[in-house]
């Protein structure tokens, strides 16, 4: 994210001596993308950031996935996956819903503090469906509230600390790449442009560095290296707490963006899904559908027209409100609809006609469109209602 930030104590000139009051040198770490050719930040540590004293394997949650075979649209009921959330944290308690070689979508309902965690595979974008949390990071703390996207760059050491009485419901989008604002929203120098549906004022960076103390601290690392999905896990034991950063500056850091700050783009007739885009990664995009006024042409049909996803799989996570196009399907808050490439889909029976004359949609949903087919993870198979595919015809193989 090319938007400069500065926190804590940094030297006047990069790559020069920076000393503590007692004269000891701080250790400079460059955290950057694409081999020194893209965004980066410089962090100044009290301890050596490369130091290790022990390591052991970490058995990841089930990362296996199987094909959507036979090809079907599916309704996945995520709220059936967890009963209470007791004893579960956002990192080790994630259950894999959908995956391909570019992105993994998981879900967790958490009450517990997570271990310190670093995803060394790609950026994470975690949508907070409900509940609140403090996300403690090597850059500083972030306060997460319902409707927040929490963007965590690859290799950011962090942990999730749920706050309040309500469990934290987290919809986790893990990339094998970086996740950024849509390129068409950015100037050639990285500023969000006037036609973008949000701006830098809506992005909330970490507060001051946390400066935690501690010895022999465990950090859970997800990385490449084999196993299901080509992923592996390790636990690194470091001789000091990783939150030892006295200051940092640069253009790469975690931040939050709340969906309520997304300004929807509307028109006289139905607008296509790209107007709802918020972020993108390699071979996928993230969009959000927010409460908004809808089409104002006198003959408009506000719900989507039927369309074939010839190049992508469409994953819609329904967060709140009353989604007009899906009335009668059983879909509601906590549902996912998967509409795979090669299948024409659109409004449920009756929704097309009912939408005529409607001027406002009260709906909130997060959409991920992927450009390679998605496979079903164990949580996707466990939460499938088994009947959504027949909802347009009203009958199926069991009737």
Protein backbone atom coordinates (compact mmCIF):
# COMPACT_ATOMS: atom_id res chain seq x y z
CA UNK A 1 0.00 0.00 0.00
CA UNK A 2 1.91 3.06 -1.25
CA UNK A 3 0.89 5.45 1.55
CA UNK A 4 3.76 6.47 3.81
CA UNK A 5 3.46 6.00 7.58
CA UNK A 6 5.88 6.60 10.46
CA UNK A 7 5.61 5.23 14.00
CA UNK A 8 7.95 5.36 16.97
CA UNK A 9 11.68 6.09 16.76
CA UNK A 10 13.59 5.88 13.47
CA UNK A 11 16.92 7.48 12.47
CA UNK A 12 17.00 10.56 10.21
CA UNK A 13 18.66 8.55 7.43
CA UNK A 14 17.86 4.95 6.51
CA UNK A 15 20.54 2.25 6.78
CA UNK A 16 22.49 4.29 9.33
CA UNK A 17 23.23 3.84 13.03
CA UNK A 18 20.23 3.98 15.35
CA UNK A 19 21.07 3.61 19.02
CA UNK A 20 19.17 3.12 22.27
CA UNK A 21 19.72 5.60 25.13
CA UNK A 22 22.32 3.21 26.60
CA UNK A 23 24.29 3.28 23.34
CA UNK A 24 23.30 -0.17 22.04
CA UNK A 25 22.54 -0.43 18.35
CA UNK A 26 19.03 -1.23 17.21
CA UNK A 27 18.77 -3.80 14.40
CA UNK A 28 17.23 -2.59 11.13
CA UNK A 29 14.98 -4.98 9.20
CA UNK A 30 13.64 -4.32 5.70
CA UNK A 31 10.25 -5.93 5.14
CA UNK A 32 9.55 -5.64 1.44
CA UNK A 33 7.77 -7.16 -1.51
CA UNK A 34 8.91 -8.44 -4.88
CA UNK A 35 12.63 -8.53 -4.22
CA UNK A 36 13.30 -4.90 -3.29
CA UNK A 37 11.22 -3.58 -6.22
CA UNK A 38 7.87 -2.87 -4.55
CA UNK A 39 6.45 -1.48 -1.29
CA UNK A 40 8.50 -1.89 1.88
CA UNK A 41 8.97 -0.69 5.43
CA UNK A 42 11.99 -0.47 7.73
CA UNK A 43 11.59 -1.77 11.29
CA UNK A 44 14.07 -1.17 14.13
CA UNK A 45 14.37 -4.04 16.63
CA UNK A 46 15.95 -4.25 20.06
CA UNK A 47 16.91 -7.87 19.34
CA UNK A 48 18.25 -9.61 16.23
CA UNK A 49 15.15 -10.43 14.13
CA UNK A 50 16.77 -13.56 12.62
CA UNK A 51 17.58 -15.19 15.96
CA UNK A 52 16.17 -18.68 16.69
CA UNK A 53 16.71 -21.00 19.64
CA UNK A 54 14.43 -23.90 18.67
CA UNK A 55 11.95 -25.11 16.04
CA UNK A 56 9.44 -27.91 15.63
CA UNK A 57 6.73 -28.87 13.12
CA UNK A 58 3.21 -27.41 13.44
CA UNK A 59 0.45 -29.65 12.12
CA UNK A 60 -1.84 -27.28 10.25
CA UNK A 61 -5.62 -27.59 10.39
CA UNK A 62 -6.92 -29.85 7.61
CA UNK A 63 -5.87 -28.21 4.33
CA UNK A 64 -7.13 -30.95 2.02
CA UNK A 65 -9.64 -30.10 -0.69
CA UNK A 66 -11.54 -31.94 -3.38
CA UNK A 67 -13.10 -30.94 -6.70
CA UNK A 68 -16.60 -29.53 -7.06
CA UNK A 69 -17.65 -32.71 -8.81
CA UNK A 70 -20.22 -32.97 -10.26
CA UNK A 71 -20.18 -29.26 -11.11
CA UNK A 72 -22.87 -27.66 -8.95
CA UNK A 73 -23.76 -24.32 -7.43
CA UNK A 74 -23.71 -24.77 -3.67
CA UNK A 75 -25.05 -23.18 -0.49
CA UNK A 76 -22.61 -23.50 2.41
CA UNK A 77 -23.94 -22.71 5.90
CA UNK A 78 -20.93 -21.45 7.85
CA UNK A 79 -22.84 -20.84 11.07
CA UNK A 80 -23.28 -24.61 11.42
CA UNK A 81 -19.52 -25.20 11.66
CA UNK A 82 -18.97 -24.05 15.24
CA UNK A 83 -21.23 -24.57 18.24
CA UNK A 84 -19.84 -22.16 20.83
CA UNK A 85 -16.35 -21.16 19.71
CA UNK A 86 -15.00 -22.09 23.15
CA UNK A 87 -11.37 -23.11 23.00
CA UNK A 88 -10.91 -21.94 19.40
CA UNK A 89 -8.68 -19.12 18.15
CA UNK A 90 -8.58 -17.36 14.77
CA UNK A 91 -5.29 -18.96 13.71
CA UNK A 92 -5.30 -22.62 14.77
CA UNK A 93 -9.11 -22.91 14.75
CA UNK A 94 -9.71 -21.97 11.12
CA UNK A 95 -11.62 -24.48 9.03
CA UNK A 96 -10.96 -24.57 5.29
CA UNK A 97 -14.08 -23.87 3.21
CA UNK A 98 -12.80 -23.38 -0.35
CA UNK A 99 -9.36 -23.31 -1.97
CA UNK A 100 -7.36 -23.28 -5.17
CA UNK A 101 -3.72 -22.59 -5.96
CA UNK A 102 -4.21 -18.82 -5.56
CA UNK A 103 -6.43 -18.36 -2.51
CA UNK A 104 -7.84 -20.19 0.51
CA UNK A 105 -11.08 -19.22 2.26
CA UNK A 106 -11.50 -20.32 5.87
CA UNK A 107 -13.86 -19.53 8.73
CA UNK A 108 -13.41 -19.38 12.49
CA UNK A 109 -15.57 -18.53 15.50
CA UNK A 110 -13.11 -17.65 18.22
CA UNK A 111 -13.05 -16.71 21.89
CA UNK A 112 -9.42 -17.49 22.66
CA UNK A 113 -6.24 -15.49 22.10
CA UNK A 114 -4.32 -16.88 19.14
CA UNK A 115 -0.66 -17.78 19.23
CA UNK A 116 1.78 -15.39 17.63
CA UNK A 117 1.48 -16.16 13.93
CA UNK A 118 3.18 -15.36 10.65
CA UNK A 119 1.84 -16.33 7.23
CA UNK A 120 4.90 -16.70 5.00
CA UNK A 121 2.84 -17.81 1.98
CA UNK A 122 0.88 -14.65 1.16
CA UNK A 123 -1.14 -11.72 2.43
CA UNK A 124 -4.26 -12.25 4.51
CA UNK A 125 -7.51 -10.32 4.35
CA UNK A 126 -9.72 -11.19 7.33
CA UNK A 127 -13.29 -9.90 7.34
CA UNK A 128 -14.79 -9.48 10.82
CA UNK A 129 -18.39 -10.66 10.56
CA UNK A 130 -19.15 -9.96 14.23
CA UNK A 131 -17.36 -9.49 17.52
CA UNK A 132 -14.34 -7.32 18.22
CA UNK A 133 -10.63 -7.92 18.64
CA UNK A 134 -7.28 -6.30 19.13
CA UNK A 135 -4.86 -7.48 16.46
CA UNK A 136 -1.40 -7.12 17.95
CA UNK A 137 1.32 -6.89 15.29
CA UNK A 138 5.04 -6.27 15.04
CA UNK A 139 4.06 -2.81 13.69
CA UNK A 140 1.66 -2.01 16.56
CA UNK A 141 -1.95 -2.72 17.50
CA UNK A 142 -5.09 -2.59 15.35
CA UNK A 143 -8.61 -2.45 16.75
CA UNK A 144 -10.97 -4.64 14.71
CA UNK A 145 -14.74 -4.21 14.79
CA UNK A 146 -17.67 -5.68 12.86
CA UNK A 147 -17.41 -4.91 9.17
CA UNK A 148 -13.63 -4.44 9.23
CA UNK A 149 -11.32 -5.92 6.69
CA UNK A 150 -7.99 -6.56 8.42
CA UNK A 151 -5.18 -6.56 5.83
CA UNK A 152 -2.03 -8.35 6.99
CA UNK A 153 1.00 -8.34 4.67
CA UNK A 154 2.88 -11.57 4.18
CA UNK A 155 5.24 -12.43 7.07
CA UNK A 156 3.70 -9.93 9.50
CA UNK A 157 4.01 -11.47 12.98
CA UNK A 158 0.72 -10.92 14.78
CA UNK A 159 -1.89 -12.42 17.09
CA UNK A 160 -5.63 -12.06 17.51
CA UNK A 161 -7.02 -11.11 20.92
CA UNK A 162 -10.86 -11.23 20.97
CA UNK A 163 -12.44 -8.56 23.15
CA UNK A 164 -15.92 -8.21 24.59
CA UNK A 165 -18.47 -10.91 25.36
CA UNK A 166 -19.42 -11.86 21.80
CA UNK A 167 -17.31 -14.46 19.96
CA UNK A 168 -15.25 -13.24 17.05
CA UNK A 169 -16.55 -14.50 13.69
CA UNK A 170 -13.73 -14.26 11.16
CA UNK A 171 -13.93 -14.88 7.41
CA UNK A 172 -10.33 -15.47 6.39
CA UNK A 173 -9.09 -14.92 2.83
CA UNK A 174 -5.51 -16.13 2.48
CA UNK A 175 -3.64 -15.37 -0.74
CA UNK A 176 -0.59 -16.94 -2.31
CA UNK A 177 0.23 -13.39 -3.42
CA UNK A 178 -0.20 -9.83 -2.19
CA UNK A 179 -3.62 -8.22 -1.69
CA UNK A 180 -3.95 -4.58 -2.75
CA UNK A 181 -6.59 -2.02 -3.67
CA UNK A 182 -7.84 -2.47 -7.23
CA UNK A 183 -5.21 -1.13 -9.63
CA UNK A 184 -7.75 0.95 -11.54
CA UNK A 185 -8.38 2.96 -8.35
CA UNK A 186 -4.71 3.97 -8.06
CA UNK A 187 -2.63 6.66 -9.73
CA UNK A 188 0.66 5.63 -11.31
CA UNK A 189 2.29 6.70 -8.03
CA UNK A 190 -0.13 4.76 -5.82
CA UNK A 191 -2.63 7.39 -4.62
CA UNK A 192 -6.29 6.40 -4.49
CA UNK A 193 -8.02 8.36 -7.26
CA UNK A 194 -11.18 10.46 -7.20
CA UNK A 195 -13.32 7.73 -8.75
CA UNK A 196 -12.25 5.16 -6.13
CA UNK A 197 -15.05 4.15 -3.71
CA UNK A 198 -12.78 4.84 -0.70
CA UNK A 199 -9.67 6.87 0.07
CA UNK A 200 -6.64 6.92 2.37
CA UNK A 201 -8.67 8.54 5.17
CA UNK A 202 -10.64 5.29 5.42
CA UNK A 203 -7.55 3.14 6.04
CA UNK A 204 -6.48 2.74 9.67
CA UNK A 205 -2.84 1.88 10.33
CA UNK A 206 -1.42 0.53 13.61
CA UNK A 207 -0.96 2.68 16.67
CA UNK A 208 2.45 3.08 18.30
CA UNK A 209 4.77 0.03 18.60
CA UNK A 210 3.83 -2.38 21.39
CA UNK A 211 7.34 -2.99 22.81
CA UNK A 212 6.57 -6.25 24.59
CA UNK A 213 9.18 -8.07 26.68
CA UNK A 214 9.73 -11.80 26.98
CA UNK A 215 12.18 -14.63 26.48
CA UNK A 216 11.96 -17.80 24.32
CA UNK A 217 8.72 -16.86 22.57
CA UNK A 218 6.88 -19.16 20.16
CA UNK A 219 5.81 -17.96 16.71
CA UNK A 220 3.62 -20.19 14.52
CA UNK A 221 4.64 -19.97 10.85
CA UNK A 222 2.62 -21.14 7.85
CA UNK A 223 4.89 -21.64 4.85
CA UNK A 224 5.43 -23.52 1.62
CA UNK A 225 6.92 -26.95 1.80
CA UNK A 226 4.55 -29.83 1.16
CA UNK A 227 1.58 -31.51 2.77
CA UNK A 228 -2.03 -30.89 1.77
CA UNK A 229 -2.31 -27.84 -0.45
CA UNK A 230 1.48 -27.57 -0.66
CA UNK A 231 1.58 -25.95 2.79
CA UNK A 232 3.47 -26.74 5.95
CA UNK A 233 3.69 -25.34 9.44
CA UNK A 234 6.54 -24.72 11.85
CA UNK A 235 6.83 -23.28 15.34
CA UNK A 236 9.87 -21.05 15.76
CA UNK A 237 11.14 -20.24 19.23
CA UNK A 238 12.85 -16.86 19.29
CA UNK A 239 15.03 -15.65 22.19
CA UNK A 240 13.06 -12.44 22.69
CA UNK A 241 9.51 -11.26 22.10
CA UNK A 242 9.04 -10.33 18.41
CA UNK A 243 7.17 -7.15 19.43
CA UNK A 244 10.51 -5.50 20.19
CA UNK A 245 10.22 -2.83 17.46
CA UNK A 246 10.98 0.69 18.71
CA UNK A 247 9.90 2.32 15.44
CA UNK A 248 9.21 1.81 11.76
CA UNK A 249 8.40 3.75 8.62
CA UNK A 250 7.42 2.97 5.06
CA UNK A 251 4.56 1.98 2.81
CA UNK A 252 4.02 -1.67 3.82
CA UNK A 253 2.08 -2.37 7.01
CA UNK A 254 -1.18 -3.93 8.25
CA UNK A 255 -4.31 -1.82 8.26
CA UNK A 256 -8.09 -2.01 8.64
CA UNK A 257 -10.81 -0.78 6.31
CA UNK A 258 -14.46 -0.87 7.35
CA UNK A 259 -17.07 -1.88 4.81
CA UNK A 260 -19.31 0.99 5.99
CA UNK A 261 -16.74 3.39 4.48
CA UNK A 262 -17.17 1.90 1.00
CA UNK A 263 -19.14 4.34 -1.19
CA UNK A 264 -21.22 2.29 -3.64
CA UNK A 265 -21.29 3.15 -7.33
CA UNK A 266 -24.83 3.05 -8.73
CA UNK A 267 -26.50 3.85 -12.05
CA UNK A 268 -29.78 4.09 -13.97
CA UNK A 269 -29.58 0.38 -14.84
CA UNK A 270 -27.98 -2.57 -13.06
CA UNK A 271 -24.23 -2.15 -12.58
CA UNK A 272 -21.90 -5.14 -13.10
CA UNK A 273 -19.99 -6.68 -10.16
CA UNK A 274 -16.64 -4.90 -10.85
CA UNK A 275 -18.13 -1.63 -9.53
CA UNK A 276 -18.25 -3.34 -6.11
CA UNK A 277 -14.56 -4.29 -6.10
CA UNK A 278 -12.49 -3.35 -3.07
CA UNK A 279 -9.24 -5.42 -3.28
CA UNK A 280 -7.42 -7.77 -5.63
CA UNK A 281 -4.80 -10.50 -5.53
CA UNK A 282 -3.22 -12.69 -8.17
CA UNK A 283 -6.05 -14.46 -10.03
CA UNK A 284 -8.81 -13.26 -7.70
CA UNK A 285 -10.69 -10.14 -6.66
CA UNK A 286 -12.61 -9.14 -3.53
CA UNK A 287 -15.84 -7.16 -3.83
CA UNK A 288 -18.47 -6.02 -1.33
CA UNK A 289 -22.17 -5.39 -1.80
CA UNK A 290 -23.34 -2.75 0.67
CA UNK A 291 -26.69 -1.10 1.47
CA UNK A 292 -27.37 1.29 -1.40
CA UNK A 293 -29.88 3.00 -3.65
CA UNK A 294 -30.46 0.95 -6.77
CA UNK A 295 -31.27 1.49 -10.43
CA UNK A 296 -33.42 4.50 -11.25
CA UNK A 297 -34.29 3.95 -14.92
CA UNK A 298 -38.12 3.83 -15.10
CA UNK A 299 -38.00 0.32 -16.60
CA UNK A 300 -35.06 -1.01 -14.56
CA UNK A 301 -34.84 -4.47 -13.01
CA UNK A 302 -32.68 -3.92 -9.92
CA UNK A 303 -31.61 -7.51 -9.21
CA UNK A 304 -28.80 -9.01 -11.30
CA UNK A 305 -29.48 -10.37 -14.76
CA UNK A 306 -28.69 -14.06 -15.30
CA UNK A 307 -25.05 -14.52 -16.17
CA UNK A 308 -22.54 -17.26 -16.92
CA UNK A 309 -19.23 -17.13 -15.08
CA UNK A 310 -17.19 -18.36 -18.01
CA UNK A 311 -13.87 -17.23 -16.51
CA UNK A 312 -14.39 -17.38 -12.76
CA UNK A 313 -15.94 -19.01 -9.73
CA UNK A 314 -18.07 -16.61 -7.67
CA UNK A 315 -18.15 -16.92 -3.87
CA UNK A 316 -20.63 -14.70 -2.01
CA UNK A 317 -20.52 -14.51 1.79
CA UNK A 318 -23.79 -13.05 3.12
CA UNK A 319 -23.11 -10.98 6.22
CA UNK A 320 -26.28 -9.02 7.00
CA UNK A 321 -29.50 -7.61 5.59
CA UNK A 322 -31.98 -9.09 3.18
CA UNK A 323 -30.39 -10.20 -0.08
CA UNK A 324 -33.10 -9.59 -2.69
CA UNK A 325 -31.80 -11.92 -5.40
CA UNK A 326 -31.63 -14.94 -3.06
CA UNK A 327 -35.07 -14.81 -1.41
CA UNK A 328 -36.57 -18.27 -1.19
CA UNK A 329 -33.25 -20.12 -1.47
CA UNK A 330 -32.59 -20.58 2.26
CA UNK A 331 -29.59 -18.26 2.06
CA UNK A 332 -29.20 -15.81 4.93
CA UNK A 333 -26.51 -14.28 7.16
CA UNK A 334 -23.63 -16.70 7.54
CA UNK A 335 -24.28 -18.37 4.19
CA UNK A 336 -21.94 -18.76 1.24
CA UNK A 337 -23.16 -19.26 -2.29
CA UNK A 338 -20.69 -20.84 -4.69
CA UNK A 339 -21.52 -20.27 -8.35
CA UNK A 340 -18.86 -22.09 -10.39
CA UNK A 341 -17.56 -21.18 -13.81
CA UNK A 342 -19.57 -22.93 -16.50
CA UNK A 343 -22.93 -22.57 -14.71
CA UNK A 344 -25.37 -19.78 -15.55
CA UNK A 345 -26.85 -18.23 -12.42
CA UNK A 346 -28.96 -15.32 -11.30
CA UNK A 347 -31.95 -14.41 -9.12
CA UNK A 348 -34.15 -17.03 -7.50
CA UNK A 349 -37.61 -17.61 -9.00
CA UNK A 350 -39.87 -14.61 -8.38
CA UNK A 351 -37.05 -12.25 -7.40
CA UNK A 352 -36.75 -10.80 -10.90
CA UNK A 353 -40.34 -9.56 -10.86
CA UNK A 354 -40.43 -8.59 -7.17
CA UNK A 355 -37.48 -6.24 -7.57
CA UNK A 356 -39.24 -3.98 -10.07
CA UNK A 357 -39.95 -0.64 -8.41
CA UNK A 358 -37.55 -1.29 -5.51
CA UNK A 359 -35.29 1.72 -4.87
CA UNK A 360 -33.02 0.50 -2.05
CA UNK A 361 -31.27 -2.76 -1.19
CA UNK A 362 -30.45 -3.42 2.47
CA UNK A 363 -27.79 -6.08 2.01
CA UNK A 364 -24.21 -6.70 3.03
CA UNK A 365 -22.08 -9.36 1.38
CA UNK A 366 -18.40 -10.04 0.64
CA UNK A 367 -17.64 -11.61 -2.73
CA UNK A 368 -14.49 -13.38 -3.91
CA UNK A 369 -14.22 -14.09 -7.64
CA UNK A 370 -11.44 -16.50 -8.58
CA UNK A 371 -10.08 -17.10 -12.05
CA UNK A 372 -9.22 -20.72 -11.43
CA UNK A 373 -11.73 -23.29 -10.16
CA UNK A 374 -12.26 -23.69 -6.44
CA UNK A 375 -12.12 -26.97 -4.55
CA UNK A 376 -14.19 -27.83 -1.49
CA UNK A 377 -12.35 -27.95 1.81
CA UNK A 378 -13.49 -30.05 4.75
CA UNK A 379 -15.64 -27.20 6.09
CA UNK A 380 -17.18 -26.65 2.66
CA UNK A 381 -18.21 -30.29 2.47
CA UNK A 382 -19.50 -30.26 6.07
CA UNK A 383 -21.66 -27.14 5.59
CA UNK A 384 -23.18 -27.87 2.16
CA UNK A 385 -26.99 -27.86 2.33
CA UNK A 386 -27.18 -30.38 -0.54
CA UNK A 387 -30.19 -28.79 -2.25
CA UNK A 388 -29.31 -25.28 -3.42
CA UNK A 389 -28.54 -26.46 -6.97
CA UNK A 390 -32.20 -27.39 -7.51
CA UNK A 391 -33.66 -24.14 -6.13
CA UNK A 392 -34.24 -22.54 -9.56
CA UNK A 393 -36.19 -25.50 -10.93
CA UNK A 394 -38.00 -26.46 -7.75
CA UNK A 395 -37.16 -30.14 -8.11
CA UNK A 396 -34.07 -32.31 -8.06
CA UNK A 397 -32.89 -35.92 -8.24
CA UNK A 398 -34.58 -36.81 -4.93
CA UNK A 399 -38.04 -35.50 -5.88
